[in-house]
């Protein structure tokens, strides 16, 4: 079944670059950007990781966590993150559990699987709020930040209007 905005995001449990288990429930009460990227230490993926690291304070201030996920293993993520000083978690999905469930793959004519650069915005209750497909890594973090701030504002207004009466 395809992911749809408004439904609960896929429950996942993957290890980060330090071998620590990370799950969707770890982000309860926070907004979450889960971004899928094709491969560690490639140009676009490096741009994306550096951009999220550079704007981490802005995301933190807005109560937004950011994690990247690819099929690379823990060791690869650790080396990639250390090489560029990333301050975000990179989740390892070498068995493609989340990648397949999120339906972000495609295969070429030889049957080789590729992972499309995709970002998911998940709200504090674990619901999928927005999907960004075939993302351009240049400046995408700022688009996400602004869009999520708007969603937070709309959610605040909706909660405020519901309590009157």
C-alpha atoms as a PDB file:
ATOM      1  CA  UNK A   1       0.000   0.000   0.000  1.00  0.00           C
ATOM      2  CA  UNK A   2       1.360   3.393  -0.977  1.00  0.00           C
ATOM      3  CA  UNK A   3       2.085   5.951   1.698  1.00  0.00           C
ATOM      4  CA  UNK A   4      -0.503   8.692   1.911  1.00  0.00           C
ATOM      5  CA  UNK A   5      -0.360  12.039   3.632  1.00  0.00           C
ATOM      6  CA  UNK A   6      -2.406  12.026   6.829  1.00  0.00           C
ATOM      7  CA  UNK A   7      -1.760   8.389   7.727  1.00  0.00           C
ATOM      8  CA  UNK A   8       0.698   7.149  10.325  1.00  0.00           C
ATOM      9  CA  UNK A   9       4.206   6.840   8.941  1.00  0.00           C
ATOM     10  CA  UNK A  10       5.880   3.450   8.746  1.00  0.00           C
ATOM     11  CA  UNK A  11       7.058   2.129  12.096  1.00  0.00           C
ATOM     12  CA  UNK A  12      10.770   1.570  11.683  1.00  0.00           C
ATOM     13  CA  UNK A  13      13.683   0.510  13.818  1.00  0.00           C
ATOM     14  CA  UNK A  14      17.104   1.038  12.262  1.00  0.00           C
ATOM     15  CA  UNK A  15      20.596   1.665  13.554  1.00  0.00           C
ATOM     16  CA  UNK A  16      22.338   5.001  13.227  1.00  0.00           C
ATOM     17  CA  UNK A  17      26.007   5.630  12.431  1.00  0.00           C
ATOM     18  CA  UNK A  18      26.926   4.796  16.042  1.00  0.00           C
ATOM     19  CA  UNK A  19      25.031   1.494  16.096  1.00  0.00           C
ATOM     20  CA  UNK A  20      22.250   2.971  18.270  1.00  0.00           C
ATOM     21  CA  UNK A  21      18.740   1.743  17.516  1.00  0.00           C
ATOM     22  CA  UNK A  22      16.396   4.513  16.310  1.00  0.00           C
ATOM     23  CA  UNK A  23      12.634   4.164  15.831  1.00  0.00           C
ATOM     24  CA  UNK A  24       9.713   6.365  14.813  1.00  0.00           C
ATOM     25  CA  UNK A  25       8.528   6.441  18.441  1.00  0.00           C
ATOM     26  CA  UNK A  26      11.803   8.124  19.466  1.00  0.00           C
ATOM     27  CA  UNK A  27      10.480  11.289  17.811  1.00  0.00           C
ATOM     28  CA  UNK A  28       7.090  11.539  19.557  1.00  0.00           C
ATOM     29  CA  UNK A  29       6.350  15.177  20.305  1.00  0.00           C
ATOM     30  CA  UNK A  30       8.764  16.412  17.607  1.00  0.00           C
ATOM     31  CA  UNK A  31       8.450  17.059  13.922  1.00  0.00           C
ATOM     32  CA  UNK A  32      10.668  14.770  11.875  1.00  0.00           C
ATOM     33  CA  UNK A  33      12.301  15.118   8.488  1.00  0.00           C
ATOM     34  CA  UNK A  34      13.306  11.682   7.289  1.00  0.00           C
ATOM     35  CA  UNK A  35      15.228  12.069   4.081  1.00  0.00           C
ATOM     36  CA  UNK A  36      16.185   9.189   1.817  1.00  0.00           C
ATOM     37  CA  UNK A  37      19.374   9.584  -0.151  1.00  0.00           C
ATOM     38  CA  UNK A  38      21.002   7.259  -2.690  1.00  0.00           C
ATOM     39  CA  UNK A  39      24.543   6.680  -1.408  1.00  0.00           C
ATOM     40  CA  UNK A  40      27.113   7.854   1.135  1.00  0.00           C
ATOM     41  CA  UNK A  41      29.950  10.082  -0.042  1.00  0.00           C
ATOM     42  CA  UNK A  42      28.460  11.061  -3.396  1.00  0.00           C
ATOM     43  CA  UNK A  43      28.158  14.719  -4.473  1.00  0.00           C
ATOM     44  CA  UNK A  44      24.413  15.315  -4.010  1.00  0.00           C
ATOM     45  CA  UNK A  45      24.272  13.317  -0.794  1.00  0.00           C
ATOM     46  CA  UNK A  46      27.221  15.255   0.602  1.00  0.00           C
ATOM     47  CA  UNK A  47      25.529  18.575  -0.257  1.00  0.00           C
ATOM     48  CA  UNK A  48      22.386  17.414   1.515  1.00  0.00           C
ATOM     49  CA  UNK A  49      24.166  16.214   4.661  1.00  0.00           C
ATOM     50  CA  UNK A  50      26.235  19.398   4.878  1.00  0.00           C
ATOM     51  CA  UNK A  51      23.126  21.573   4.385  1.00  0.00           C
ATOM     52  CA  UNK A  52      21.168  19.824   7.139  1.00  0.00           C
ATOM     53  CA  UNK A  53      24.188  20.050   9.453  1.00  0.00           C
ATOM     54  CA  UNK A  54      24.657  23.748   8.699  1.00  0.00           C
ATOM     55  CA  UNK A  55      20.997  24.491   9.496  1.00  0.00           C
ATOM     56  CA  UNK A  56      20.637  22.068  12.429  1.00  0.00           C
ATOM     57  CA  UNK A  57      20.243  24.875  14.990  1.00  0.00           C
ATOM     58  CA  UNK A  58      17.317  26.303  13.007  1.00  0.00           C
ATOM     59  CA  UNK A  59      15.670  22.878  12.865  1.00  0.00           C
ATOM     60  CA  UNK A  60      16.298  22.300  16.584  1.00  0.00           C
ATOM     61  CA  UNK A  61      14.812  25.699  17.455  1.00  0.00           C
ATOM     62  CA  UNK A  62      11.657  24.760  15.528  1.00  0.00           C
ATOM     63  CA  UNK A  63      11.390  21.350  17.304  1.00  0.00           C
ATOM     64  CA  UNK A  64      12.289  19.457  14.123  1.00  0.00           C
ATOM     65  CA  UNK A  65      14.566  16.409  14.101  1.00  0.00           C
ATOM     66  CA  UNK A  66      16.367  15.432  10.890  1.00  0.00           C
ATOM     67  CA  UNK A  67      17.581  11.955   9.971  1.00  0.00           C
ATOM     68  CA  UNK A  68      18.944  10.605   6.712  1.00  0.00           C
ATOM     69  CA  UNK A  69      18.516   7.016   5.554  1.00  0.00           C
ATOM     70  CA  UNK A  70      20.195   5.000   2.828  1.00  0.00           C
ATOM     71  CA  UNK A  71      21.060   1.382   2.148  1.00  0.00           C
ATOM     72  CA  UNK A  72      24.649   1.940   3.264  1.00  0.00           C
ATOM     73  CA  UNK A  73      25.790   0.144   6.416  1.00  0.00           C
ATOM     74  CA  UNK A  74      26.686   1.603   9.818  1.00  0.00           C
ATOM     75  CA  UNK A  75      30.419   1.739   9.098  1.00  0.00           C
ATOM     76  CA  UNK A  76      29.870   3.596   5.821  1.00  0.00           C
ATOM     77  CA  UNK A  77      27.568   6.097   7.572  1.00  0.00           C
ATOM     78  CA  UNK A  78      30.102   6.620  10.363  1.00  0.00           C
ATOM     79  CA  UNK A  79      32.913   7.310   7.873  1.00  0.00           C
ATOM     80  CA  UNK A  80      30.707   9.592   5.755  1.00  0.00           C
ATOM     81  CA  UNK A  81      29.478  11.569   8.758  1.00  0.00           C
ATOM     82  CA  UNK A  82      32.936  11.890  10.289  1.00  0.00           C
ATOM     83  CA  UNK A  83      34.500  12.955   7.005  1.00  0.00           C
ATOM     84  CA  UNK A  84      32.174  15.960   6.732  1.00  0.00           C
ATOM     85  CA  UNK A  85      31.401  16.610  10.414  1.00  0.00           C
ATOM     86  CA  UNK A  86      27.690  15.830  10.158  1.00  0.00           C
ATOM     87  CA  UNK A  87      25.635  16.474  13.280  1.00  0.00           C
ATOM     88  CA  UNK A  88      22.566  14.579  12.061  1.00  0.00           C
ATOM     89  CA  UNK A  89      21.863  10.879  12.368  1.00  0.00           C
ATOM     90  CA  UNK A  90      22.243   8.656   9.336  1.00  0.00           C
ATOM     91  CA  UNK A  91      20.198   5.455   9.523  1.00  0.00           C
ATOM     92  CA  UNK A  92      21.443   2.249   7.932  1.00  0.00           C
ATOM     93  CA  UNK A  93      18.893   0.204   5.960  1.00  0.00           C
ATOM     94  CA  UNK A  94      21.014  -2.419   4.148  1.00  0.00           C
ATOM     95  CA  UNK A  95      18.072  -4.875   4.148  1.00  0.00           C
ATOM     96  CA  UNK A  96      15.847  -2.189   2.538  1.00  0.00           C
ATOM     97  CA  UNK A  97      13.090  -2.601   5.149  1.00  0.00           C
ATOM     98  CA  UNK A  98      12.133   1.073   5.335  1.00  0.00           C
ATOM     99  CA  UNK A  99      13.252   1.894   1.794  1.00  0.00           C
ATOM    100  CA  UNK A 100      10.953  -0.747   0.313  1.00  0.00           C
ATOM    101  CA  UNK A 101       8.058   0.074   2.645  1.00  0.00           C
ATOM    102  CA  UNK A 102       8.382   3.772   1.736  1.00  0.00           C
ATOM    103  CA  UNK A 103       8.350   2.860  -1.965  1.00  0.00           C
ATOM    104  CA  UNK A 104      11.304   5.063  -2.890  1.00  0.00           C
ATOM    105  CA  UNK A 105      13.136   2.613  -5.129  1.00  0.00           C
ATOM    106  CA  UNK A 106      13.263   1.982  -8.815  1.00  0.00           C
ATOM    107  CA  UNK A 107      15.292  -0.404 -10.885  1.00  0.00           C
ATOM    108  CA  UNK A 108      17.167   0.187 -14.095  1.00  0.00           C
ATOM    109  CA  UNK A 109      16.970  -2.000 -17.185  1.00  0.00           C
ATOM    110  CA  UNK A 110      19.449  -4.442 -15.625  1.00  0.00           C
ATOM    111  CA  UNK A 111      17.353  -4.817 -12.482  1.00  0.00           C
ATOM    112  CA  UNK A 112      19.759  -2.825 -10.290  1.00  0.00           C
ATOM    113  CA  UNK A 113      17.874  -0.980  -7.544  1.00  0.00           C
ATOM    114  CA  UNK A 114      18.290   2.768  -7.048  1.00  0.00           C
ATOM    115  CA  UNK A 115      16.873   4.895  -4.248  1.00  0.00           C
ATOM    116  CA  UNK A 116      15.218   8.164  -5.180  1.00  0.00           C
ATOM    117  CA  UNK A 117      16.089  11.236  -3.157  1.00  0.00           C
ATOM    118  CA  UNK A 118      12.868  11.678  -1.176  1.00  0.00           C
ATOM    119  CA  UNK A 119      11.980  13.619   1.976  1.00  0.00           C
ATOM    120  CA  UNK A 120       9.151  12.797   4.356  1.00  0.00           C
ATOM    121  CA  UNK A 121       7.735  15.282   6.871  1.00  0.00           C
ATOM    122  CA  UNK A 122       6.229  13.540   9.885  1.00  0.00           C
ATOM    123  CA  UNK A 123       4.320  15.405  12.584  1.00  0.00           C
ATOM    124  CA  UNK A 124       4.690  14.966  16.374  1.00  0.00           C
ATOM    125  CA  UNK A 125       1.965  12.281  16.410  1.00  0.00           C
ATOM    126  CA  UNK A 126       3.805  10.206  13.793  1.00  0.00           C
ATOM    127  CA  UNK A 127       1.545  11.123  10.874  1.00  0.00           C
ATOM    128  CA  UNK A 128       2.960  11.714   7.422  1.00  0.00           C
ATOM    129  CA  UNK A 129       2.285  15.319   6.497  1.00  0.00           C
ATOM    130  CA  UNK A 130       4.151  15.760   3.213  1.00  0.00           C
ATOM    131  CA  UNK A 131       6.264  13.833   0.703  1.00  0.00           C
ATOM    132  CA  UNK A 132       8.876  15.508  -1.477  1.00  0.00           C
ATOM    133  CA  UNK A 133       9.922  13.259  -4.360  1.00  0.00           C
ATOM    134  CA  UNK A 134      13.006  13.507  -6.601  1.00  0.00           C
ATOM    135  CA  UNK A 135      14.451  16.259  -4.446  1.00  0.00           C
ATOM    136  CA  UNK A 136      17.136  18.657  -5.627  1.00  0.00           C
ATOM    137  CA  UNK A 137      19.637  18.707  -2.736  1.00  0.00           C
ATOM    138  CA  UNK A 138      20.559  22.366  -3.300  1.00  0.00           C
ATOM    139  CA  UNK A 139      18.561  24.439  -0.803  1.00  0.00           C
ATOM    140  CA  UNK A 140      16.021  21.714  -0.032  1.00  0.00           C
ATOM    141  CA  UNK A 141      16.596  22.034   3.715  1.00  0.00           C
ATOM    142  CA  UNK A 142      15.354  25.647   3.623  1.00  0.00           C
ATOM    143  CA  UNK A 143      12.216  24.628   1.704  1.00  0.00           C
ATOM    144  CA  UNK A 144      11.543  21.984   4.357  1.00  0.00           C
ATOM    145  CA  UNK A 145      12.140  24.403   7.216  1.00  0.00           C
ATOM    146  CA  UNK A 146       9.752  27.009   5.821  1.00  0.00           C
ATOM    147  CA  UNK A 147       7.062  24.453   4.898  1.00  0.00           C
ATOM    148  CA  UNK A 148       7.164  22.818   8.330  1.00  0.00           C
ATOM    149  CA  UNK A 149       6.996  26.177  10.092  1.00  0.00           C
ATOM    150  CA  UNK A 150       3.836  26.911   8.070  1.00  0.00           C
ATOM    151  CA  UNK A 151       2.387  23.517   9.027  1.00  0.00           C
ATOM    152  CA  UNK A 152       3.190  24.187  12.684  1.00  0.00           C
ATOM    153  CA  UNK A 153       1.491  27.575  12.482  1.00  0.00           C
ATOM    154  CA  UNK A 154      -1.610  26.075  10.820  1.00  0.00           C
ATOM    155  CA  UNK A 155      -1.718  23.291  13.409  1.00  0.00           C
ATOM    156  CA  UNK A 156      -1.452  25.855  16.214  1.00  0.00           C
ATOM    157  CA  UNK A 157      -4.273  27.903  14.740  1.00  0.00           C
ATOM    158  CA  UNK A 158      -6.448  24.799  14.345  1.00  0.00           C
ATOM    159  CA  UNK A 159      -5.805  23.765  17.958  1.00  0.00           C
ATOM    160  CA  UNK A 160      -6.482  27.292  19.168  1.00  0.00           C
ATOM    161  CA  UNK A 161      -9.820  27.565  17.334  1.00  0.00           C
ATOM    162  CA  UNK A 162     -10.930  24.139  18.544  1.00  0.00           C
ATOM    163  CA  UNK A 163     -10.634  25.110  22.210  1.00  0.00           C
ATOM    164  CA  UNK A 164     -12.944  28.114  22.054  1.00  0.00           C
ATOM    165  CA  UNK A 165     -16.546  27.964  23.062  1.00  0.00           C
END
